[in-house]
Protein backbone atom coordinates (compact mmCIF):
# COMPACT_ATOMS: atom_id res chain seq x y z
CA MET A 1 -23.64 275.66 116.48
CA SER A 2 -26.45 276.66 118.79
CA THR A 3 -28.03 275.52 122.03
CA THR A 4 -31.58 275.92 123.30
CA ARG A 5 -32.47 276.46 126.94
CA GLN A 6 -35.47 274.87 128.65
CA ASN A 7 -37.35 278.16 128.40
CA GLY A 8 -36.96 278.09 124.60
CA THR A 9 -34.34 280.82 124.19
CA LYS A 10 -31.65 280.00 121.67
CA THR A 11 -27.98 280.88 122.06
CA VAL A 12 -25.88 280.85 118.90
CA LEU A 13 -22.27 279.86 119.50
CA PRO A 14 -19.92 281.63 117.10
CA ARG A 15 -17.07 279.79 115.39
CA THR A 16 -14.35 281.87 117.00
CA GLY A 17 -12.56 279.16 118.93
CA PRO A 18 -12.65 277.53 122.34
CA ASP A 19 -11.95 280.66 124.37
CA HIS A 20 -15.16 282.28 123.26
CA PHE A 21 -17.08 279.05 123.89
CA TRP A 22 -15.79 278.75 127.46
CA LYS A 23 -16.57 282.41 128.12
CA ILE A 24 -20.18 281.71 127.18
CA VAL A 25 -20.23 278.61 129.41
CA HIS A 26 -18.86 280.74 132.24
CA ASP A 27 -21.19 283.68 131.68
CA GLU A 28 -24.38 281.79 130.88
CA TYR A 29 -24.10 278.66 132.98
CA ALA A 30 -21.35 277.95 135.47
CA GLY A 31 -20.00 281.31 136.61
CA GLU A 32 -17.92 280.84 139.74
CA ASP A 33 -19.88 277.75 140.89
CA GLN A 34 -17.22 275.10 141.55
CA ARG A 35 -19.80 272.31 141.62
CA LYS A 36 -21.01 273.12 138.11
CA TRP A 37 -17.42 273.17 136.80
CA LYS A 38 -16.79 269.84 138.50
CA TYR A 39 -19.88 268.34 136.87
CA LEU A 40 -18.79 269.72 133.49
CA ALA A 41 -15.37 268.12 133.95
CA MET A 42 -17.02 264.79 134.80
CA LEU A 43 -19.20 265.09 131.71
CA ALA A 44 -16.21 265.87 129.50
CA LEU A 45 -14.25 262.91 130.82
CA ARG A 46 -17.19 260.58 130.27
CA GLU A 47 -18.55 261.83 126.93
CA ASN A 48 -15.41 263.08 125.18
CA ALA A 49 -12.73 260.79 126.59
CA GLY A 50 -14.84 257.70 127.33
CA TRP A 51 -13.58 257.33 130.89
CA PRO A 52 -15.27 254.61 132.99
CA LEU A 53 -17.39 255.83 135.90
CA GLU A 54 -15.12 254.27 138.50
CA HIS A 55 -12.08 256.13 137.11
CA ILE A 56 -13.92 259.45 137.13
CA GLY A 57 -14.96 258.69 140.70
CA ALA A 58 -11.34 257.97 141.65
CA VAL A 59 -10.25 261.37 140.33
CA PHE A 60 -12.95 263.26 142.23
CA GLY A 61 -13.05 261.03 145.30
CA HIS A 62 -16.61 259.78 144.74
CA PRO A 63 -18.18 256.34 144.27
CA LYS A 64 -19.37 255.60 140.74
CA GLY A 65 -23.03 255.87 141.82
CA HIS A 66 -22.46 259.46 142.84
CA VAL A 67 -20.70 260.17 139.54
CA THR A 68 -23.74 258.74 137.72
CA ARG A 69 -26.05 261.10 139.65
CA CYS A 70 -23.77 264.07 138.92
CA LEU A 71 -23.81 263.25 135.20
CA GLN A 72 -27.60 262.96 135.22
CA LYS A 73 -27.86 266.38 136.90
CA ILE A 74 -25.54 268.09 134.42
CA LYS A 75 -27.29 266.54 131.43
CA VAL A 76 -30.72 267.67 132.64
CA THR A 77 -29.46 271.16 133.57
CA THR A 78 -27.81 271.83 130.23
CA GLN A 79 -30.71 270.71 128.04
């Protein structure tokens, strides 16, 4: 699997398991930024688990409109 950044550079993700994947996410994208990790968690709950926006908002203490904006930001940032 690979991903392409907005500037056109391609990162190939090896098939070595989830630990390596999350290290790349940490090193290349989120680092120690708590907001980015929070947005990634929201995205995972929505896209992978199918959680409704209002339930994601309840977990993070935000209205569903704010969750929608957070998801839009993370989707644009990671493309």
